Amino acid sequence: MTDDSDLSGKRAIVTGASAGIGRSTARLLAEEGAAVAVAARREHRLNELADEFGPSDDGEILVVPTDVTDTDQIDALVAETVDAFGGLDIVVSNAGLLPPNGIDDLTEDQYRNFMGVNVDGMYFLTKASLPHLREGEGNLVFVGSYAGTLPFPRSPLYAGSKWWLRGFAHSLQGAEGMEGVAVSVVNPGEVRTEIGEAARGETNIDRYDPGEITEPREAAEAIVFTARQHPPNTVTELNLMRRTKFDNLRHRSEFPD
């Protein structure tokens, strides 16, 4: 496994790129020389990111406003990226939500919008991207969550979407490995992003002090590490947790220290 391959000349898509992990990932890919199509619903945020890069920078930012619940917009995102860059080497499927309510209070429309982003959007982005990733033995990186690796009573629906993602990704690697496509899942723990406001009335930025949990740039570094892998290798799964994440399990253990 190596992380020293050059990203100059690579062509990438990052969804959920208007903030947090997606924004940091897009920026890091561009800093390392990749041409990056940034996709999200908040176009003004994407334009702000693009404005941070100038002619002297190695990478390139292409703004493609996209609602991942709309399959036509996903298809247009992939087509515009390939047309602008001449191909596609890296896809970071990052767009995701926390459900705004628990199961008892979640409306049907809220449920369908949530699943449209966390599950359907990821699936249809994969479907549109795979023909191009096969051509260049590219890398498909899914941003999962530690909630998709163990029971998560606080939000069964969110956890279920991330368990689905992991199962799909690992099975997809089995299906696409012979085509040369690398499929990775990166599972961050808590990250200091805007996530959480709709679900609990405060974001992780408000809830945690800097350095208390993982920062978006740190999660981006893990994602870009997986995207650097070249044939015959892939990182199938990478868990990025704060070092005290499972301290409560130690205290509940029946065994003494």
C-alpha atoms as a PDB file:
ATOM      1  CA  MET A   1       0.000   0.000   0.000  1.00  0.00           C
ATOM      2  CA  THR A   2       1.343   3.394  -0.929  1.00  0.00           C
ATOM      3  CA  ASP A   3       0.294   6.999  -0.469  1.00  0.00           C
ATOM      4  CA  ASP A   4       2.987   8.688  -2.551  1.00  0.00           C
ATOM      5  CA  SER A   5       1.282   8.686  -5.939  1.00  0.00           C
ATOM      6  CA  ASP A   6       0.914  12.075  -7.587  1.00  0.00           C
ATOM      7  CA  LEU A   7      -2.595  13.516  -7.851  1.00  0.00           C
ATOM      8  CA  SER A   8      -1.596  16.007 -10.539  1.00  0.00           C
ATOM      9  CA  GLY A   9      -3.776  15.468 -13.566  1.00  0.00           C
ATOM     10  CA  LYS A  10      -6.351  13.392 -11.714  1.00  0.00           C
ATOM     11  CA  ARG A  11     -10.023  14.243 -12.302  1.00  0.00           C
ATOM     12  CA  ALA A  12     -12.380  14.105  -9.309  1.00  0.00           C
ATOM     13  CA  ILE A  13     -15.944  14.655  -8.115  1.00  0.00           C
ATOM     14  CA  VAL A  14     -16.769  15.471  -4.490  1.00  0.00           C
ATOM     15  CA  THR A  15     -20.396  15.632  -3.372  1.00  0.00           C
ATOM     16  CA  GLY A  16     -21.504  17.478  -0.266  1.00  0.00           C
ATOM     17  CA  ALA A  17     -18.664  19.884  -1.034  1.00  0.00           C
ATOM     18  CA  SER A  18     -20.231  23.076   0.297  1.00  0.00           C
ATOM     19  CA  ALA A  19     -19.058  22.534   3.888  1.00  0.00           C
ATOM     20  CA  GLY A  20     -17.297  20.282   6.355  1.00  0.00           C
ATOM     21  CA  ILE A  21     -15.634  17.093   5.197  1.00  0.00           C
ATOM     22  CA  GLY A  22     -16.599  17.541   1.543  1.00  0.00           C
ATOM     23  CA  ARG A  23     -15.265  21.088   1.340  1.00  0.00           C
ATOM     24  CA  SER A  24     -11.990  20.103   3.021  1.00  0.00           C
ATOM     25  CA  THR A  25     -11.623  17.050   0.768  1.00  0.00           C
ATOM     26  CA  ALA A  26     -12.184  19.069  -2.395  1.00  0.00           C
ATOM     27  CA  ARG A  27      -9.706  21.682  -1.276  1.00  0.00           C
ATOM     28  CA  LEU A  28      -7.049  19.092  -0.396  1.00  0.00           C
ATOM     29  CA  LEU A  29      -7.472  17.253  -3.703  1.00  0.00           C
ATOM     30  CA  ALA A  30      -7.077  20.546  -5.575  1.00  0.00           C
ATOM     31  CA  GLU A  31      -4.063  21.538  -3.466  1.00  0.00           C
ATOM     32  CA  GLU A  32      -2.434  18.274  -4.524  1.00  0.00           C
ATOM     33  CA  GLY A  33      -2.985  19.004  -8.204  1.00  0.00           C
ATOM     34  CA  ALA A  34      -6.305  17.368  -9.038  1.00  0.00           C
ATOM     35  CA  ALA A  35      -9.071  18.953 -11.082  1.00  0.00           C
ATOM     36  CA  VAL A  36     -12.158  18.750  -8.866  1.00  0.00           C
ATOM     37  CA  ALA A  37     -15.855  19.131  -9.634  1.00  0.00           C
ATOM     38  CA  VAL A  38     -17.567  20.268  -6.440  1.00  0.00           C
ATOM     39  CA  ALA A  39     -21.234  19.399  -6.039  1.00  0.00           C
ATOM     40  CA  ALA A  40     -23.848  20.478  -3.500  1.00  0.00           C
ATOM     41  CA  ARG A  41     -27.126  22.360  -3.359  1.00  0.00           C
ATOM     42  CA  ARG A  42     -25.668  25.589  -1.920  1.00  0.00           C
ATOM     43  CA  GLU A  43     -24.152  27.149  -5.023  1.00  0.00           C
ATOM     44  CA  HIS A  44     -22.873  30.261  -3.231  1.00  0.00           C
ATOM     45  CA  ARG A  45     -20.776  28.067  -0.925  1.00  0.00           C
ATOM     46  CA  LEU A  46     -19.291  26.252  -3.906  1.00  0.00           C
ATOM     47  CA  ASN A  47     -18.465  29.550  -5.599  1.00  0.00           C
ATOM     48  CA  GLU A  48     -16.704  30.738  -2.445  1.00  0.00           C
ATOM     49  CA  LEU A  49     -14.563  27.594  -2.511  1.00  0.00           C
ATOM     50  CA  ALA A  50     -13.743  28.055  -6.201  1.00  0.00           C
ATOM     51  CA  ASP A  51     -12.800  31.690  -5.614  1.00  0.00           C
ATOM     52  CA  GLU A  52     -10.097  30.568  -3.178  1.00  0.00           C
ATOM     53  CA  PHE A  53      -8.157  29.071  -6.107  1.00  0.00           C
ATOM     54  CA  GLY A  54      -6.410  31.123  -8.751  1.00  0.00           C
ATOM     55  CA  PRO A  55      -4.303  30.582 -11.887  1.00  0.00           C
ATOM     56  CA  SER A  56      -1.171  29.997  -9.832  1.00  0.00           C
ATOM     57  CA  ASP A  57      -2.649  27.010  -7.980  1.00  0.00           C
ATOM     58  CA  ASP A  58      -1.925  23.485  -9.151  1.00  0.00           C
ATOM     59  CA  GLY A  59      -5.496  22.238  -9.031  1.00  0.00           C
ATOM     60  CA  GLU A  60      -8.752  23.378 -10.545  1.00  0.00           C
ATOM     61  CA  ILE A  61     -12.266  23.739  -9.135  1.00  0.00           C
ATOM     62  CA  LEU A  62     -15.374  23.260 -11.273  1.00  0.00           C
ATOM     63  CA  VAL A  63     -18.649  24.313  -9.652  1.00  0.00           C
ATOM     64  CA  VAL A  64     -21.595  22.050 -10.482  1.00  0.00           C
ATOM     65  CA  PRO A  65     -24.629  22.752  -8.266  1.00  0.00           C
ATOM     66  CA  THR A  66     -26.296  19.393  -7.681  1.00  0.00           C
ATOM     67  CA  ASP A  67     -29.153  17.945  -5.672  1.00  0.00           C
ATOM     68  CA  VAL A  68     -28.179  14.293  -5.274  1.00  0.00           C
ATOM     69  CA  THR A  69     -31.829  13.294  -4.806  1.00  0.00           C
ATOM     70  CA  ASP A  70     -32.384  14.185  -8.473  1.00  0.00           C
ATOM     71  CA  THR A  71     -30.995  11.516 -10.816  1.00  0.00           C
ATOM     72  CA  ASP A  72     -31.019  13.887 -13.796  1.00  0.00           C
ATOM     73  CA  GLN A  73     -28.779  16.297 -11.873  1.00  0.00           C
ATOM     74  CA  ILE A  74     -26.429  13.454 -10.907  1.00  0.00           C
ATOM     75  CA  ASP A  75     -26.140  12.371 -14.525  1.00  0.00           C
ATOM     76  CA  ALA A  76     -25.484  15.983 -15.528  1.00  0.00           C
ATOM     77  CA  LEU A  77     -22.798  16.312 -12.827  1.00  0.00           C
ATOM     78  CA  VAL A  78     -20.884  13.317 -14.155  1.00  0.00           C
ATOM     79  CA  ALA A  79     -21.321  14.324 -17.785  1.00  0.00           C
ATOM     80  CA  GLU A  80     -20.216  17.914 -17.188  1.00  0.00           C
ATOM     81  CA  THR A  81     -17.183  16.761 -15.211  1.00  0.00           C
ATOM     82  CA  VAL A  82     -16.070  14.309 -17.890  1.00  0.00           C
ATOM     83  CA  ASP A  83     -16.652  16.889 -20.603  1.00  0.00           C
ATOM     84  CA  ALA A  84     -14.656  19.555 -18.757  1.00  0.00           C
ATOM     85  CA  PHE A  85     -11.777  17.365 -17.558  1.00  0.00           C
ATOM     86  CA  GLY A  86     -11.663  14.647 -20.221  1.00  0.00           C
ATOM     87  CA  GLY A  87     -12.321  11.783 -17.835  1.00  0.00           C
ATOM     88  CA  LEU A  88     -12.892  10.772 -14.224  1.00  0.00           C
ATOM     89  CA  ASP A  89     -10.443   9.150 -11.811  1.00  0.00           C
ATOM     90  CA  ILE A  90     -11.774   9.799  -8.301  1.00  0.00           C
ATOM     91  CA  VAL A  91     -15.291  10.028  -6.902  1.00  0.00           C
ATOM     92  CA  VAL A  92     -15.853  10.958  -3.263  1.00  0.00           C
ATOM     93  CA  SER A  93     -19.461  10.177  -2.343  1.00  0.00           C
ATOM     94  CA  ASN A  94     -19.816  12.354   0.720  1.00  0.00           C
ATOM     95  CA  ALA A  95     -23.280  13.958   0.660  1.00  0.00           C
ATOM     96  CA  GLY A  96     -25.211  12.922   3.756  1.00  0.00           C
ATOM     97  CA  LEU A  97     -27.731  14.055   6.357  1.00  0.00           C
ATOM     98  CA  LEU A  98     -28.817  13.308   9.898  1.00  0.00           C
ATOM     99  CA  PRO A  99     -32.581  12.738  10.074  1.00  0.00           C
ATOM    100  CA  PRO A 100     -34.269  15.780  11.658  1.00  0.00           C
ATOM    101  CA  ASN A 101     -36.450  13.677  13.995  1.00  0.00           C
ATOM    102  CA  GLY A 102     -36.630  10.283  15.605  1.00  0.00           C
ATOM    103  CA  ILE A 103     -38.631   7.484  14.019  1.00  0.00           C
ATOM    104  CA  ASP A 104     -41.866   8.371  15.856  1.00  0.00           C
ATOM    105  CA  ASP A 105     -41.864  11.978  14.652  1.00  0.00           C
ATOM    106  CA  LEU A 106     -40.286  11.632  11.220  1.00  0.00           C
ATOM    107  CA  THR A 107     -42.720  12.438   8.431  1.00  0.00           C
ATOM    108  CA  GLU A 108     -42.863  10.438   5.233  1.00  0.00           C
ATOM    109  CA  ASP A 109     -41.450  13.372   3.244  1.00  0.00           C
ATOM    110  CA  GLN A 110     -38.565  13.753   5.711  1.00  0.00           C
ATOM    111  CA  TYR A 111     -37.835  10.048   5.522  1.00  0.00           C
ATOM    112  CA  ARG A 112     -37.820   9.997   1.733  1.00  0.00           C
ATOM    113  CA  ASN A 113     -35.604  13.080   1.502  1.00  0.00           C
ATOM    114  CA  PHE A 114     -33.163  11.559   3.995  1.00  0.00           C
ATOM    115  CA  MET A 115     -32.976   8.255   2.132  1.00  0.00           C
ATOM    116  CA  GLY A 116     -32.788  10.128  -1.166  1.00  0.00           C
ATOM    117  CA  VAL A 117     -29.544  11.744  -0.022  1.00  0.00           C
ATOM    118  CA  ASN A 118     -27.890   9.058   2.122  1.00  0.00           C
ATOM    119  CA  VAL A 119     -28.773   5.982   0.069  1.00  0.00           C
ATOM    120  CA  ASP A 120     -30.304   6.745  -3.325  1.00  0.00           C
ATOM    121  CA  GLY A 121     -28.000   9.664  -4.106  1.00  0.00           C
ATOM    122  CA  MET A 122     -24.944   7.573  -3.327  1.00  0.00           C
ATOM    123  CA  TYR A 123     -26.225   4.686  -5.442  1.00  0.00           C
ATOM    124  CA  PHE A 124     -27.083   6.760  -8.510  1.00  0.00           C
ATOM    125  CA  LEU A 125     -23.781   8.661  -8.336  1.00  0.00           C
ATOM    126  CA  THR A 126     -22.031   5.295  -8.318  1.00  0.00           C
ATOM    127  CA  LYS A 127     -24.050   4.049 -11.277  1.00  0.00           C
ATOM    128  CA  ALA A 128     -23.303   7.161 -13.350  1.00  0.00           C
ATOM    129  CA  SER A 129     -19.600   7.194 -12.440  1.00  0.00           C
ATOM    130  CA  LEU A 130     -18.614   3.555 -12.808  1.00  0.00           C
ATOM    131  CA  PRO A 131     -18.232   3.441 -16.625  1.00  0.00           C
ATOM    132  CA  HIS A 132     -15.699   6.296 -16.430  1.00  0.00           C
ATOM    133  CA  LEU A 133     -13.882   4.906 -13.373  1.00  0.00           C
ATOM    134  CA  ARG A 134     -13.463   1.574 -15.157  1.00  0.00           C
ATOM    135  CA  GLU A 135     -11.729   3.278 -18.063  1.00  0.00           C
ATOM    136  CA  GLY A 136      -8.944   4.619 -15.865  1.00  0.00           C
ATOM    137  CA  GLU A 137      -8.958   2.088 -13.001  1.00  0.00           C
ATOM    138  CA  GLY A 138     -10.186   4.850 -10.727  1.00  0.00           C
ATOM    139  CA  ASN A 139     -11.042   5.185  -7.056  1.00  0.00           C
ATOM    140  CA  LEU A 140     -14.537   5.373  -5.579  1.00  0.00           C
ATOM    141  CA  VAL A 141     -14.532   6.554  -1.963  1.00  0.00           C
ATOM    142  CA  PHE A 142     -17.632   6.429   0.209  1.00  0.00           C
ATOM    143  CA  VAL A 143     -17.767   8.551   3.353  1.00  0.00           C
ATOM    144  CA  GLY A 144     -19.436   6.375   5.949  1.00  0.00           C
ATOM    145  CA  SER A 145     -19.535   6.721   9.718  1.00  0.00           C
ATOM    146  CA  TYR A 146     -18.629   4.840  12.852  1.00  0.00           C
ATOM    147  CA  ALA A 147     -22.442   4.621  13.240  1.00  0.00           C
ATOM    148  CA  GLY A 148     -22.362   2.148  10.369  1.00  0.00           C
ATOM    149  CA  THR A 149     -19.949  -0.164  12.173  1.00  0.00           C
ATOM    150  CA  LEU A 150     -21.798  -0.810  15.445  1.00  0.00           C
ATOM    151  CA  PRO A 151     -25.311  -0.361  16.871  1.00  0.00           C
ATOM    152  CA  PHE A 152     -26.193   3.329  17.174  1.00  0.00           C
ATOM    153  CA  PRO A 153     -29.320   3.705  19.355  1.00  0.00           C
ATOM    154  CA  ARG A 154     -29.369   7.504  19.088  1.00  0.00           C
ATOM    155  CA  SER A 155     -30.351   7.342  15.404  1.00  0.00           C
ATOM    156  CA  PRO A 156     -31.223   3.913  13.994  1.00  0.00           C
ATOM    157  CA  LEU A 157     -32.181   5.413  10.640  1.00  0.00           C
ATOM    158  CA  TYR A 158     -28.853   7.210  10.203  1.00  0.00           C
ATOM    159  CA  ALA A 159     -26.982   4.092  11.277  1.00  0.00           C
ATOM    160  CA  GLY A 160     -29.036   1.958   8.907  1.00  0.00           C
ATOM    161  CA  SER A 161     -28.112   4.176   5.965  1.00  0.00           C
ATOM    162  CA  LYS A 162     -24.423   3.847   6.800  1.00  0.00           C
ATOM    163  CA  TRP A 163     -24.650   0.080   7.298  1.00  0.00           C
ATOM    164  CA  TRP A 164     -26.278  -0.077   3.851  1.00  0.00           C
ATOM    165  CA  LEU A 165     -23.448   2.009   2.440  1.00  0.00           C
ATOM    166  CA  ARG A 166     -20.773  -0.306   3.873  1.00  0.00           C
ATOM    167  CA  GLY A 167     -22.483  -3.444   2.616  1.00  0.00           C
ATOM    168  CA  PHE A 168     -22.924  -1.946  -0.825  1.00  0.00           C
ATOM    169  CA  ALA A 169     -19.340  -0.678  -0.993  1.00  0.00           C
ATOM    170  CA  HIS A 170     -17.684  -3.941   0.043  1.00  0.00           C
ATOM    171  CA  SER A 171     -19.881  -5.974  -2.275  1.00  0.00           C
ATOM    172  CA  LEU A 172     -19.225  -3.501  -5.081  1.00  0.00           C
ATOM    173  CA  GLN A 173     -15.484  -3.982  -4.615  1.00  0.00           C
ATOM    174  CA  GLY A 174     -16.046  -7.681  -5.177  1.00  0.00           C
ATOM    175  CA  ALA A 175     -17.975  -6.920  -8.342  1.00  0.00           C
ATOM    176  CA  GLU A 176     -15.646  -4.233  -9.730  1.00  0.00           C
ATOM    177  CA  GLY A 177     -12.207  -5.390  -8.617  1.00  0.00           C
ATOM    178  CA  MET A 178     -11.580  -7.300 -11.823  1.00  0.00           C
ATOM    179  CA  GLU A 179     -12.405  -4.091 -13.715  1.00  0.00           C
ATOM    180  CA  GLY A 180      -9.622  -2.328 -11.822  1.00  0.00           C
ATOM    181  CA  VAL A 181     -11.898  -0.031  -9.790  1.00  0.00           C
ATOM    182  CA  ALA A 182     -10.895   0.576  -6.167  1.00  0.00           C
ATOM    183  CA  VAL A 183     -13.769   0.969  -3.703  1.00  0.00           C
ATOM    184  CA  SER A 184     -13.105   2.373  -0.239  1.00  0.00           C
ATOM    185  CA  VAL A 185     -15.138   3.300   2.823  1.00  0.00           C
ATOM    186  CA  VAL A 186     -13.858   5.912   5.273  1.00  0.00           C
ATOM    187  CA  ASN A 187     -15.672   5.907   8.618  1.00  0.00           C
ATOM    188  CA  PRO A 188     -15.052   9.027  10.694  1.00  0.00           C
ATOM    189  CA  GLY A 189     -16.180   9.377  14.278  1.00  0.00           C
ATOM    190  CA  GLU A 190     -17.467  12.760  15.384  1.00  0.00           C
ATOM    191  CA  VAL A 191     -16.205  15.564  13.127  1.00  0.00           C
ATOM    192  CA  ARG A 192     -16.466  19.289  13.891  1.00  0.00           C
ATOM    193  CA  THR A 193     -18.833  20.198  11.053  1.00  0.00           C
ATOM    194  CA  GLU A 194     -22.253  21.790  10.613  1.00  0.00           C
ATOM    195  CA  ILE A 195     -23.994  18.415  10.934  1.00  0.00           C
ATOM    196  CA  GLY A 196     -26.548  18.085  13.716  1.00  0.00           C
ATOM    197  CA  GLU A 197     -28.429  21.379  13.626  1.00  0.00           C
ATOM    198  CA  ALA A 198     -31.644  19.962  12.172  1.00  0.00           C
ATOM    199  CA  ALA A 199     -31.555  16.910  14.430  1.00  0.00           C
ATOM    200  CA  ARG A 200     -30.631  18.440  17.805  1.00  0.00           C
ATOM    201  CA  GLY A 201     -30.604  22.211  17.369  1.00  0.00           C
ATOM    202  CA  GLU A 202     -26.831  22.647  17.459  1.00  0.00           C
ATOM    203  CA  THR A 203     -23.975  21.787  15.135  1.00  0.00           C
ATOM    204  CA  ASN A 204     -20.843  19.871  16.048  1.00  0.00           C
ATOM    205  CA  ILE A 205     -18.992  23.179  15.638  1.00  0.00           C
ATOM    206  CA  ASP A 206     -21.104  24.586  18.480  1.00  0.00           C
ATOM    207  CA  ARG A 207     -20.994  21.427  20.549  1.00  0.00           C
ATOM    208  CA  TYR A 208     -17.245  20.761  20.575  1.00  0.00           C
ATOM    209  CA  ASP A 209     -14.150  22.890  21.053  1.00  0.00           C
ATOM    210  CA  PRO A 210     -11.366  22.868  18.432  1.00  0.00           C
ATOM    211  CA  GLY A 211      -9.186  19.818  18.934  1.00  0.00           C
ATOM    212  CA  GLU A 212     -11.777  17.993  21.026  1.00  0.00           C
ATOM    213  CA  ILE A 213     -12.898  15.789  18.131  1.00  0.00           C
ATOM    214  CA  THR A 214     -11.756  15.214  14.547  1.00  0.00           C
ATOM    215  CA  GLU A 215     -11.473  18.297  12.348  1.00  0.00           C
ATOM    216  CA  PRO A 216     -12.755  18.244   8.728  1.00  0.00           C
ATOM    217  CA  ARG A 217      -9.227  18.590   7.350  1.00  0.00           C
ATOM    218  CA  GLU A 218      -8.158  15.485   9.264  1.00  0.00           C
ATOM    219  CA  ALA A 219     -11.052  13.482   7.840  1.00  0.00           C
ATOM    220  CA  ALA A 220     -10.168  14.818   4.380  1.00  0.00           C
ATOM    221  CA  GLU A 221      -6.592  13.581   4.767  1.00  0.00           C
ATOM    222  CA  ALA A 222      -7.891  10.052   5.405  1.00  0.00           C
ATOM    223  CA  ILE A 223     -10.151  10.249   2.351  1.00  0.00           C
ATOM    224  CA  VAL A 224      -7.390  11.536   0.088  1.00  0.00           C
ATOM    225  CA  PHE A 225      -5.064   8.808   1.371  1.00  0.00           C
ATOM    226  CA  THR A 226      -7.499   6.184   0.090  1.00  0.00           C
ATOM    227  CA  ALA A 227      -7.921   8.047  -3.208  1.00  0.00           C
ATOM    228  CA  ARG A 228      -4.152   7.927  -3.805  1.00  0.00           C
ATOM    229  CA  GLN A 229      -4.023   4.130  -3.980  1.00  0.00           C
ATOM    230  CA  HIS A 230      -3.233   2.731  -7.399  1.00  0.00           C
ATOM    231  CA  PRO A 231      -3.462  -0.779  -8.900  1.00  0.00           C
ATOM    232  CA  PRO A 232      -3.292  -3.400  -7.645  1.00  0.00           C
ATOM    233  CA  ASN A 233      -4.112  -1.932  -4.213  1.00  0.00           C
ATOM    234  CA  THR A 234      -7.073  -0.382  -2.458  1.00  0.00           C
ATOM    235  CA  VAL A 235      -7.955   0.577   1.087  1.00  0.00           C
ATOM    236  CA  THR A 236     -11.202  -1.303   1.593  1.00  0.00           C
ATOM    237  CA  GLU A 237     -12.074   0.406   4.878  1.00  0.00           C
ATOM    238  CA  LEU A 238     -10.496   3.029   7.106  1.00  0.00           C
ATOM    239  CA  ASN A 239     -11.856   3.982  10.541  1.00  0.00           C
ATOM    240  CA  LEU A 240     -10.825   7.397  11.848  1.00  0.00           C
ATOM    241  CA  MET A 241     -11.721   7.759  15.540  1.00  0.00           C
ATOM    242  CA  ARG A 242     -10.634  10.048  18.341  1.00  0.00           C
ATOM    243  CA  ARG A 243      -8.387   8.155  20.737  1.00  0.00           C
ATOM    244  CA  THR A 244     -10.860   8.283  23.621  1.00  0.00           C
ATOM    245  CA  LYS A 245     -13.843   7.173  21.522  1.00  0.00           C
ATOM    246  CA  PHE A 246     -14.353   3.837  23.230  1.00  0.00           C
ATOM    247  CA  ASP A 247     -13.293   4.780  26.746  1.00  0.00           C
ATOM    248  CA  ASN A 248     -16.829   4.190  28.005  1.00  0.00           C
ATOM    249  CA  LEU A 249     -16.527   0.536  26.969  1.00  0.00           C
ATOM    250  CA  ARG A 250     -13.503   0.153  29.224  1.00  0.00           C
ATOM    251  CA  HIS A 251     -15.469   1.425  32.210  1.00  0.00           C
ATOM    252  CA  ARG A 252     -18.322  -0.979  31.490  1.00  0.00           C
ATOM    253  CA  SER A 253     -16.058  -3.980  31.200  1.00  0.00           C
ATOM    254  CA  GLU A 254     -16.474  -6.792  33.736  1.00  0.00           C
ATOM    255  CA  PHE A 255     -12.700  -7.247  33.709  1.00  0.00           C
ATOM    256  CA  PRO A 256     -10.387  -5.109  35.877  1.00  0.00           C
ATOM    257  CA  ASP A 257      -7.732  -2.863  34.286  1.00  0.00           C
END
